[in-house]
Amino acid sequence: MSATVVAAVRRSEVRAVSLKDATAIVGIGQTAFAKRLEEDERGLACRAVVAALDDAGIAPGEVDALASYTMEETDEVELAKAVGFGDLTFFGKVGFGGGGSCATVAHLAAAITAGQATVGVAWRSRKRGSGPRPWTNVRAQLPTPGQWTRPFGLLRPADEIAMLARRYLHEYGATRDHLFNVALACRNRANQNPAAVMYERPLTREMYMTSRWISEPLCLFDNCLETDGAAACVVVSAERARDCRQRPVYVHSAAQGLPAQHHGMVNYWTDDPLTGPSWAAARHLWKQADFTPQDVDVAQIYDAFTPLIPLSLEGYGFCGRGEGGPFTEGGALETGGRLPLNTAGGGLSEAYIHGFNLITEGVRQLRGTSTAQVPGAATCLVTAGEGVPTSALLLRS
């Protein structure tokens, strides 16, 4: 056989490898969520990982792959020693903060499918409630995108998203009532979740409309919580998953998205700043899937700020351009609506740990163990942050 033919066969074999349902999430774990926790980030990370492994019925010594965020302060060496992992044969980190959550699972799925590892752990540990904000380190040189925004008053992520939100409201006629629908749906689900920071703390329209501005048009309730806490999950092959303690939740499709000429949350280098990374991720996500947005039973959509929800609804194909605001009307995001959303409370009302709690809630929904269970849920979309290079997962039971 000629070298050309051999090369062609090898390329064909590579193309034939698919992540579709090849791996499953078999364990999830989390710490308490609060404005202030005494334990440090490493301790919180260890607790969440140990809980996830116990949930899966897998010994720490079997773990041979890790994936986390570049912003994660607990490194692989510390975690491996503290928890007692075996030899690690794969480890990696994903950038861009909230955009990295789903990608950590995707990277583990790819490594396991490729034979580089057998048991993977992904996690995120943060002390955002009691710790410093990343943008407050004025001694550090600004990253390139920040040099075009912070000297001109866009100091925080809230300011950048506020600018996108203002343009969205202006171009498409969306209103603050639409943003309130998002905040209310998340708060209503948190009111059912004893683990949520906002458990038993209802939100009313009057409270929302009269709350203080954070960065107009974003008020207090348009912004995510400031939370300490950690969460983790365990990923194994679909074959191994059948022997684990919990009902497996399969990684049906996974994608990352960084569109051409993207420039962070302001995104003003592009022809259309409102076409964010979710659009790029969605094209690949659905291309690899056996179902469509209309087949999704429940969604966990990244909600650091309420405007990210209508933008993501459009990007992932649940509605057309400019229709994300009206999509929220009539209880569409509530339990029993056409797309139940963030059923543990999300970043707005459960906890903000860079979106990782959306993954664990997606798993609970497909196990049938959520505190706001969607009856018969068999498919779940989980997304990472819109506005930054992002990632997404389609999970199925």
Protein backbone atom coordinates (compact mmCIF):
# COMPACT_ATOMS: atom_id res chain seq x y z
CA MET A 1 0.00 0.00 0.00
CA SER A 2 1.44 3.37 -1.01
CA ALA A 3 2.20 6.10 1.53
CA THR A 4 -0.52 8.25 -0.06
CA VAL A 5 -3.16 5.56 0.43
CA VAL A 6 -2.04 4.94 4.02
CA ALA A 7 -2.28 8.64 4.76
CA ALA A 8 -5.78 8.79 3.26
CA VAL A 9 -6.91 5.82 5.36
CA ARG A 10 -5.54 7.43 8.50
CA ARG A 11 -7.33 10.70 7.73
CA SER A 12 -10.56 8.77 7.23
CA GLU A 13 -10.10 7.02 10.56
CA VAL A 14 -9.55 10.34 12.30
CA ARG A 15 -12.72 11.78 10.74
CA ALA A 16 -14.68 8.74 11.88
CA VAL A 17 -13.94 9.38 15.57
CA SER A 18 -16.93 11.05 17.21
CA LEU A 19 -17.61 12.35 20.69
CA LYS A 20 -21.33 11.66 20.30
CA ASP A 21 -22.48 9.68 23.37
CA ALA A 22 -18.97 8.25 23.75
CA THR A 23 -18.62 9.52 27.31
CA ALA A 24 -20.88 10.27 30.25
CA ILE A 25 -20.92 12.36 33.40
CA VAL A 26 -21.27 9.86 36.24
CA GLY A 27 -20.53 11.93 39.32
CA ILE A 28 -21.24 15.46 40.52
CA GLY A 29 -20.31 17.25 43.72
CA GLN A 30 -20.43 20.70 45.24
CA THR A 31 -19.74 22.59 48.42
CA ALA A 32 -22.08 24.95 50.17
CA PHE A 33 -22.59 28.28 48.39
CA ALA A 34 -22.40 31.50 50.38
CA LYS A 35 -21.23 35.09 50.34
CA ARG A 36 -18.36 34.05 52.60
CA LEU A 37 -16.93 30.62 53.36
CA GLU A 38 -13.98 30.20 55.72
CA GLU A 39 -12.18 27.46 53.76
CA ASP A 40 -9.70 28.46 51.05
CA GLU A 41 -10.20 27.72 47.35
CA ARG A 42 -8.01 24.61 47.40
CA GLY A 43 -9.98 23.13 50.28
CA LEU A 44 -13.26 23.88 48.53
CA ALA A 45 -11.97 22.30 45.31
CA CYS A 46 -10.94 19.14 47.15
CA ARG A 47 -14.32 18.84 48.86
CA ALA A 48 -16.23 19.20 45.59
CA VAL A 49 -14.01 16.67 43.77
CA VAL A 50 -14.18 14.10 46.57
CA ALA A 51 -17.98 14.47 46.64
CA ALA A 52 -18.18 13.95 42.87
CA LEU A 53 -16.01 10.83 43.01
CA ASP A 54 -18.06 9.44 45.88
CA ASP A 55 -21.24 10.16 43.89
CA ALA A 56 -19.80 8.14 41.01
CA GLY A 57 -18.47 5.33 43.20
CA ILE A 58 -14.96 5.80 41.80
CA ALA A 59 -11.80 5.80 43.93
CA PRO A 60 -9.51 8.85 43.69
CA GLY A 61 -6.60 6.65 42.64
CA GLU A 62 -8.41 5.85 39.37
CA VAL A 63 -8.45 9.48 38.21
CA ASP A 64 -5.97 10.02 35.37
CA ALA A 65 -7.29 13.22 33.70
CA LEU A 66 -8.06 16.74 34.89
CA ALA A 67 -9.55 19.81 33.23
CA SER A 68 -10.13 23.22 34.74
CA TYR A 69 -10.03 26.93 33.94
CA THR A 70 -6.92 29.06 33.40
CA MET A 71 -8.35 31.28 36.14
CA GLU A 72 -8.49 28.34 38.58
CA GLU A 73 -6.12 28.99 41.51
CA THR A 74 -5.89 25.33 42.58
CA ASP A 75 -3.42 23.65 40.24
CA GLU A 76 -3.24 20.00 39.20
CA VAL A 77 -0.32 19.13 41.45
CA GLU A 78 -2.01 20.45 44.59
CA LEU A 79 -5.30 18.73 43.83
CA ALA A 80 -3.69 15.43 42.82
CA LYS A 81 -1.65 15.22 46.02
CA ALA A 82 -4.45 16.31 48.32
CA VAL A 83 -7.13 13.99 46.93
CA GLY A 84 -4.84 11.07 46.09
CA PHE A 85 -5.06 10.68 42.32
CA GLY A 86 -3.10 8.10 40.36
CA ASP A 87 -0.73 8.93 37.50
CA LEU A 88 -2.20 11.71 35.38
CA THR A 89 -1.98 11.18 31.62
CA PHE A 90 -4.03 14.18 30.55
CA PHE A 91 -4.49 17.63 32.07
CA GLY A 92 -5.45 20.94 30.56
CA LYS A 93 -6.95 24.34 31.24
CA VAL A 94 -9.48 26.41 29.33
CA GLY A 95 -9.35 30.18 29.11
CA PHE A 96 -11.84 33.04 29.19
CA GLY A 97 -13.44 32.62 32.59
CA GLY A 98 -17.13 31.89 32.25
CA GLY A 99 -16.67 30.75 28.66
CA GLY A 100 -14.66 27.75 29.79
CA SER A 101 -17.13 25.78 31.89
CA CYS A 102 -18.54 23.38 29.30
CA ALA A 103 -15.19 23.14 27.53
CA THR A 104 -13.63 21.45 30.56
CA VAL A 105 -16.06 18.56 30.13
CA ALA A 106 -15.55 18.59 26.35
CA HIS A 107 -11.79 18.32 26.75
CA LEU A 108 -12.13 15.36 29.11
CA ALA A 109 -14.58 13.70 26.70
CA ALA A 110 -12.11 14.14 23.84
CA ALA A 111 -9.20 12.77 25.88
CA ILE A 112 -11.15 9.71 27.03
CA THR A 113 -12.52 9.02 23.54
CA ALA A 114 -9.00 9.30 22.10
CA GLY A 115 -7.65 6.83 24.66
CA GLN A 116 -5.50 9.35 26.53
CA ALA A 117 -7.30 8.76 29.83
CA THR A 118 -10.06 6.73 31.48
CA VAL A 119 -11.43 8.78 34.40
CA GLY A 120 -11.56 12.55 34.16
CA VAL A 121 -12.43 15.23 36.70
CA ALA A 122 -13.40 18.83 35.91
CA TRP A 123 -13.96 21.45 38.59
CA ARG A 124 -14.17 25.13 39.48
CA SER A 125 -13.48 26.63 42.89
CA ARG A 126 -13.95 30.33 43.63
CA LYS A 127 -14.04 32.82 46.45
CA ARG A 128 -15.69 35.54 44.43
CA GLY A 129 -17.93 36.51 47.32
CA SER A 130 -15.18 37.18 49.85
CA GLY A 131 -12.17 37.48 47.53
CA PRO A 132 -10.91 40.21 45.17
CA ARG A 133 -12.36 41.02 41.75
CA PRO A 134 -9.97 40.23 38.85
CA TRP A 135 -10.29 43.72 37.35
CA THR A 136 -9.24 45.47 40.57
CA ASN A 137 -5.55 44.64 40.10
CA VAL A 138 -4.55 48.02 38.69
CA ARG A 139 -0.83 47.23 39.03
CA ALA A 140 -1.03 44.64 36.27
CA GLN A 141 -0.81 45.76 32.66
CA LEU A 142 -4.21 45.75 31.02
CA PRO A 143 -4.82 42.95 28.52
CA THR A 144 -5.16 44.24 24.98
CA PRO A 145 -8.99 44.29 24.91
CA GLY A 146 -9.04 46.20 28.20
CA GLN A 147 -6.84 48.94 26.78
CA TRP A 148 -9.72 49.85 24.47
CA THR A 149 -12.38 49.93 27.20
CA ARG A 150 -11.23 50.59 30.76
CA PRO A 151 -9.56 53.97 30.18
CA PHE A 152 -12.91 55.13 28.77
CA GLY A 153 -15.08 54.06 31.70
CA LEU A 154 -15.97 50.44 30.97
CA LEU A 155 -14.29 49.22 34.13
CA ARG A 156 -16.21 46.00 34.90
CA PRO A 157 -17.84 43.20 32.94
CA ALA A 158 -21.19 44.72 33.95
CA ASP A 159 -20.27 47.94 32.12
CA GLU A 160 -19.36 46.08 28.95
CA ILE A 161 -22.50 43.98 28.94
CA ALA A 162 -24.55 47.08 29.72
CA MET A 163 -23.32 48.62 26.48
CA LEU A 164 -24.32 45.53 24.49
CA ALA A 165 -27.66 45.42 26.31
CA ARG A 166 -28.37 49.07 25.48
CA ARG A 167 -27.77 48.38 21.81
CA TYR A 168 -29.94 45.25 21.94
CA LEU A 169 -32.84 47.09 23.59
CA HIS A 170 -32.53 49.90 21.04
CA GLU A 171 -32.28 47.75 17.91
CA TYR A 172 -34.95 45.18 18.69
CA GLY A 173 -37.35 46.89 21.07
CA ALA A 174 -36.65 44.54 23.95
CA THR A 175 -37.58 45.98 27.35
CA ARG A 176 -36.63 45.77 30.98
CA ASP A 177 -39.70 43.60 31.47
CA HIS A 178 -38.02 40.99 29.29
CA LEU A 179 -34.91 41.14 31.46
CA PHE A 180 -37.11 40.88 34.53
CA ASN A 181 -38.64 37.68 33.11
CA VAL A 182 -35.16 36.17 33.10
CA ALA A 183 -34.33 37.28 36.62
CA LEU A 184 -37.70 36.09 37.91
CA ALA A 185 -37.44 32.63 36.35
CA CYS A 186 -34.02 32.09 37.93
CA ARG A 187 -35.17 33.41 41.30
CA ASN A 188 -38.31 31.26 41.27
CA ARG A 189 -36.22 28.14 40.76
CA ALA A 190 -33.76 29.19 43.46
CA ASN A 191 -36.70 29.58 45.84
CA GLN A 192 -37.21 25.81 45.42
CA ASN A 193 -33.53 24.94 45.93
CA PRO A 194 -32.27 24.77 49.53
CA ALA A 195 -28.66 24.96 48.28
CA ALA A 196 -29.25 28.29 46.52
CA VAL A 197 -28.04 31.54 48.02
CA MET A 198 -31.45 33.04 47.19
CA TYR A 199 -33.50 30.17 48.61
CA GLU A 200 -36.76 31.46 50.11
CA ARG A 201 -36.00 35.02 49.00
CA PRO A 202 -38.71 35.91 46.45
CA LEU A 203 -38.33 38.58 43.77
CA THR A 204 -41.16 40.85 42.65
CA ARG A 205 -41.48 43.16 39.68
CA GLU A 206 -41.60 46.17 42.00
CA MET A 207 -38.36 45.09 43.70
CA TYR A 208 -36.73 44.70 40.31
CA MET A 209 -37.92 47.98 38.81
CA THR A 210 -37.01 50.08 41.85
CA SER A 211 -33.62 48.52 42.58
CA ARG A 212 -30.42 50.52 42.19
CA TRP A 213 -28.53 50.70 38.93
CA ILE A 214 -25.28 48.79 38.64
CA SER A 215 -24.56 49.91 35.09
CA GLU A 216 -27.62 51.27 33.31
CA PRO A 217 -29.68 49.59 31.86
CA LEU A 218 -28.60 46.80 34.25
CA CYS A 219 -30.01 47.00 37.76
CA LEU A 220 -29.02 45.02 40.83
CA PHE A 221 -31.08 41.97 39.83
CA ASP A 222 -29.64 41.85 36.32
CA ASN A 223 -26.27 40.89 37.77
CA CYS A 224 -25.04 37.54 39.05
CA LEU A 225 -24.31 36.80 42.67
CA GLU A 226 -20.90 37.17 44.34
CA THR A 227 -20.33 33.70 45.73
CA ASP A 228 -17.81 31.43 47.44
CA GLY A 229 -18.06 27.75 46.53
CA ALA A 230 -16.92 24.92 44.28
CA ALA A 231 -18.41 22.25 42.03
CA ALA A 232 -17.00 19.26 40.15
CA CYS A 233 -17.96 16.40 37.88
CA VAL A 234 -16.55 13.03 36.82
CA VAL A 235 -16.42 11.88 33.18
CA VAL A 236 -15.80 8.32 31.97
CA SER A 237 -16.43 6.30 28.80
CA ALA A 238 -20.00 5.28 28.02
CA GLU A 239 -19.00 1.66 28.55
CA ARG A 240 -17.53 2.34 31.98
CA ALA A 241 -20.53 4.50 32.89
CA ARG A 242 -22.85 1.50 32.89
CA ASP A 243 -21.03 0.14 35.95
CA CYS A 244 -20.98 3.35 37.98
CA ARG A 245 -23.15 4.17 40.98
CA GLN A 246 -25.38 6.77 39.31
CA ARG A 247 -27.48 6.87 36.17
CA PRO A 248 -25.15 8.09 33.41
CA VAL A 249 -25.74 11.40 31.64
CA TYR A 250 -24.23 11.20 28.17
CA VAL A 251 -22.21 13.96 26.49
CA HIS A 252 -24.11 13.92 23.21
CA SER A 253 -22.42 16.92 21.59
CA ALA A 254 -19.86 19.51 22.63
CA ALA A 255 -18.53 22.67 21.05
CA GLN A 256 -16.42 25.77 21.58
CA GLY A 257 -16.88 29.05 19.77
CA LEU A 258 -14.57 31.99 19.03
CA PRO A 259 -15.88 33.95 16.03
CA ALA A 260 -13.66 35.88 13.65
CA GLN A 261 -12.62 39.35 14.83
CA HIS A 262 -14.15 38.84 18.25
CA HIS A 263 -13.10 41.44 20.83
CA GLY A 264 -14.40 40.39 24.22
CA MET A 265 -17.73 41.37 25.66
CA VAL A 266 -17.96 44.71 23.85
CA ASN A 267 -17.37 42.93 20.49
CA TYR A 268 -17.31 46.19 18.54
CA TRP A 269 -14.73 45.14 15.93
CA THR A 270 -17.33 43.00 14.18
CA ASP A 271 -20.02 44.08 11.73
CA ASP A 272 -22.67 42.87 14.20
CA PRO A 273 -21.68 43.08 17.89
CA LEU A 274 -24.86 41.23 18.86
CA THR A 275 -23.76 38.08 17.01
CA GLY A 276 -21.52 36.72 19.74
CA PRO A 277 -19.58 33.50 20.34
CA SER A 278 -22.76 31.49 20.98
CA TRP A 279 -23.50 31.64 17.26
CA ALA A 280 -20.13 30.06 16.40
CA ALA A 281 -20.45 27.40 19.09
CA ALA A 282 -24.05 26.60 18.14
CA ARG A 283 -23.25 25.85 14.51
CA HIS A 284 -20.84 23.11 15.50
CA LEU A 285 -22.92 21.89 18.43
CA TRP A 286 -26.05 21.21 16.37
CA LYS A 287 -24.08 19.85 13.41
CA GLN A 288 -22.87 17.01 15.63
CA ALA A 289 -26.24 16.33 17.29
CA ASP A 290 -29.15 14.02 16.52
CA PHE A 291 -31.71 16.55 17.73
CA THR A 292 -32.52 20.24 17.33
CA PRO A 293 -33.27 23.18 19.65
CA GLN A 294 -36.95 22.28 19.50
CA ASP A 295 -36.12 18.90 21.07
CA VAL A 296 -34.40 20.37 24.15
CA ASP A 297 -36.43 19.67 27.29
CA VAL A 298 -34.57 21.97 29.69
CA ALA A 299 -31.72 24.48 29.40
CA GLN A 300 -29.01 25.75 31.71
CA ILE A 301 -27.90 28.96 29.99
CA TYR A 302 -25.07 31.06 31.36
CA ASP A 303 -26.56 34.03 33.18
CA ALA A 304 -23.88 36.26 34.62
CA PHE A 305 -26.17 39.06 33.36
CA THR A 306 -29.81 38.83 32.27
CA PRO A 307 -29.21 40.13 28.69
CA LEU A 308 -27.05 37.08 28.00
CA ILE A 309 -30.19 34.94 28.02
CA PRO A 310 -32.02 36.55 25.04
CA LEU A 311 -28.71 36.79 23.18
CA SER A 312 -28.07 33.08 23.82
CA LEU A 313 -31.63 32.05 22.95
CA GLU A 314 -31.05 33.59 19.54
CA GLY A 315 -27.51 32.28 19.15
CA TYR A 316 -28.48 28.68 19.93
CA GLY A 317 -31.45 28.77 17.62
CA PHE A 318 -34.45 28.82 19.95
CA CYS A 319 -35.78 31.91 18.20
CA GLY A 320 -34.85 34.36 15.45
CA ARG A 321 -32.78 37.53 15.56
CA GLY A 322 -34.34 40.10 17.84
CA GLU A 323 -36.88 37.61 19.20
CA GLY A 324 -35.04 36.72 22.42
CA GLY A 325 -36.91 39.32 24.46
CA PRO A 326 -40.43 38.29 23.39
CA PHE A 327 -39.41 34.64 23.78
CA THR A 328 -39.32 35.19 27.56
CA GLU A 329 -42.97 36.26 27.74
CA GLY A 330 -45.87 34.19 29.04
CA GLY A 331 -43.81 32.14 31.48
CA ALA A 332 -41.74 30.55 28.71
CA LEU A 333 -38.70 30.17 30.98
CA GLU A 334 -40.62 28.84 33.97
CA THR A 335 -41.30 25.20 34.83
CA GLY A 336 -44.03 24.13 32.41
CA GLY A 337 -42.98 26.76 29.85
CA ARG A 338 -41.57 26.02 26.44
CA LEU A 339 -37.96 26.16 27.69
CA PRO A 340 -37.55 25.76 31.48
CA LEU A 341 -34.38 27.65 32.35
CA ASN A 342 -31.65 27.47 35.00
CA THR A 343 -33.66 25.20 37.22
CA ALA A 344 -31.43 25.50 40.30
CA GLY A 345 -31.35 29.30 40.09
CA GLY A 346 -28.33 29.81 37.87
CA GLY A 347 -25.65 32.42 38.44
CA LEU A 348 -28.31 35.02 39.17
CA SER A 349 -29.86 33.23 42.13
CA GLU A 350 -28.15 29.93 43.04
CA ALA A 351 -24.43 30.73 42.94
CA TYR A 352 -21.88 32.26 40.61
CA ILE A 353 -18.90 29.95 40.14
CA HIS A 354 -18.20 30.71 36.49
CA GLY A 355 -21.13 28.60 35.34
CA PHE A 356 -20.01 25.20 36.59
CA ASN A 357 -23.16 24.83 38.70
CA LEU A 358 -25.13 24.88 35.44
CA ILE A 359 -23.40 21.63 34.47
CA THR A 360 -24.20 19.91 37.76
CA GLU A 361 -27.83 21.04 37.54
CA GLY A 362 -28.07 19.74 33.99
CA VAL A 363 -26.96 16.35 35.28
CA ARG A 364 -29.52 16.43 38.10
CA GLN A 365 -32.31 17.21 35.63
CA LEU A 366 -31.45 14.19 33.48
CA ARG A 367 -31.12 11.98 36.55
CA GLY A 368 -34.55 13.18 37.68
CA THR A 369 -33.25 14.59 40.98
CA SER A 370 -33.55 18.37 40.54
CA THR A 371 -35.38 20.44 43.14
CA ALA A 372 -37.34 21.90 40.20
CA GLN A 373 -37.58 18.76 38.12
CA VAL A 374 -38.91 19.03 34.57
CA PRO A 375 -41.09 15.94 34.10
CA GLY A 376 -39.57 13.45 31.68
CA ALA A 377 -36.52 15.59 30.89
CA ALA A 378 -34.25 13.61 28.56
CA THR A 379 -32.24 16.35 26.80
CA CYS A 380 -30.49 19.39 28.25
CA LEU A 381 -28.50 22.24 26.76
CA VAL A 382 -25.78 23.70 28.99
CA THR A 383 -23.93 26.81 27.86
CA ALA A 384 -20.93 28.78 29.02
CA GLY A 385 -20.61 32.55 28.92
CA GLU A 386 -21.92 34.47 25.93
CA GLY A 387 -19.85 37.55 25.15
CA VAL A 388 -16.52 35.74 25.60
CA PRO A 389 -14.98 32.77 23.73
CA THR A 390 -17.47 30.15 24.81
CA SER A 391 -18.47 26.49 24.94
CA ALA A 392 -21.60 24.37 25.18
CA LEU A 393 -22.79 20.84 25.86
CA LEU A 394 -25.79 18.84 24.78
CA LEU A 395 -26.51 16.24 27.45
CA ARG A 396 -28.94 13.35 27.20
CA SER A 397 -30.13 10.65 29.54
